[in-house]
């Protein structure tokens, strides 16, 4: 094998290794994008659940205030 043939072979090997590394990196980036998308979906769902819970807690507090006021009214307003 001549020097030129060896150089061409080395170049081909280097290009193949580079392509392999690039494919691996692209796979990692795709996986990261999928992970980020999943995290965003989970955060959105958590935010929605938090908002729902906040509304329900607000309603429960309002109900409790109503019950306490009614109980106070039954007792004649004395403490």
Protein backbone atom coordinates (compact mmCIF):
# COMPACT_ATOMS: atom_id res chain seq x y z
CA UNK A 1 0.00 0.00 0.00
CA UNK A 2 1.42 3.34 -0.99
CA UNK A 3 1.70 6.33 1.32
CA UNK A 4 -1.16 8.02 -0.54
CA UNK A 5 -3.38 4.94 -0.13
CA UNK A 6 -2.59 4.84 3.61
CA UNK A 7 -3.41 8.54 3.94
CA UNK A 8 -6.72 8.05 2.15
CA UNK A 9 -7.50 5.04 4.35
CA UNK A 10 -6.64 7.01 7.50
CA UNK A 11 -8.82 9.88 6.32
CA UNK A 12 -11.71 7.48 5.66
CA UNK A 13 -11.29 5.95 9.14
CA UNK A 14 -11.20 9.39 10.73
CA UNK A 15 -14.33 10.46 8.87
CA UNK A 16 -16.10 7.26 9.95
CA UNK A 17 -15.12 7.87 13.59
CA UNK A 18 -16.30 11.47 13.35
CA UNK A 19 -19.61 10.38 11.85
CA UNK A 20 -20.05 7.85 14.64
CA UNK A 21 -19.39 10.49 17.30
CA UNK A 22 -21.77 12.89 15.59
CA UNK A 23 -24.50 10.25 15.47
CA UNK A 24 -24.00 9.57 19.17
CA UNK A 25 -24.16 13.27 20.01
CA UNK A 26 -27.32 13.75 17.93
CA UNK A 27 -28.91 10.81 19.75
CA UNK A 28 -28.00 12.45 23.08
CA UNK A 29 -29.49 15.77 21.96
CA UNK A 30 -32.68 14.07 20.82
CA UNK A 31 -32.95 12.30 24.17
CA UNK A 32 -32.37 15.62 25.96
CA UNK A 33 -35.06 17.32 23.87
CA UNK A 34 -37.49 14.53 24.73
CA UNK A 35 -36.58 14.82 28.42
CA UNK A 36 -37.06 18.58 28.36
CA UNK A 37 -40.42 18.22 26.61
CA UNK A 38 -41.54 15.65 29.17
CA UNK A 39 -40.42 17.90 32.03
CA UNK A 40 -42.35 20.82 30.53
CA UNK A 41 -45.47 18.68 30.24
CA UNK A 42 -45.10 17.54 33.85
CA UNK A 43 -44.57 21.12 35.06
CA UNK A 44 -47.67 22.24 33.19
CA UNK A 45 -49.73 19.43 34.71
CA UNK A 46 -48.36 20.21 38.18
CA UNK A 47 -49.22 23.90 37.75
CA UNK A 48 -52.76 22.99 36.72
CA UNK A 49 -53.15 20.68 39.72
CA UNK A 50 -51.80 23.38 42.02
CA UNK A 51 -54.26 25.91 40.66
CA UNK A 52 -57.13 23.44 41.14
CA UNK A 53 -56.00 22.66 44.69
CA UNK A 54 -55.71 26.37 45.45
CA UNK A 55 -59.27 26.99 44.28
CA UNK A 56 -60.55 24.03 46.31
CA UNK A 57 -58.70 25.19 49.44
CA UNK A 58 -60.09 28.69 48.97
CA UNK A 59 -63.60 27.27 48.69
CA UNK A 60 -63.07 25.10 51.79
CA UNK A 61 -61.83 28.11 53.78
CA UNK A 62 -64.85 30.10 52.64
CA UNK A 63 -67.15 27.25 53.71
CA UNK A 64 -65.44 27.05 57.11
CA UNK A 65 -65.81 30.79 57.62
CA UNK A 66 -69.50 30.47 56.79
CA UNK A 67 -69.91 27.64 59.27
CA UNK A 68 -68.09 29.56 62.01
CA UNK A 69 -70.15 32.70 61.36
CA UNK A 70 -73.38 30.70 61.45
CA UNK A 71 -72.30 29.01 64.67
CA UNK A 72 -71.41 32.38 66.19
CA UNK A 73 -74.80 33.77 65.13
CA UNK A 74 -76.56 30.81 66.81
CA UNK A 75 -74.70 31.52 70.04
CA UNK A 76 -75.93 35.08 69.96
CA UNK A 77 -72.64 36.68 69.04
CA UNK A 78 -71.03 36.27 72.46
CA UNK A 79 -67.52 34.99 72.87
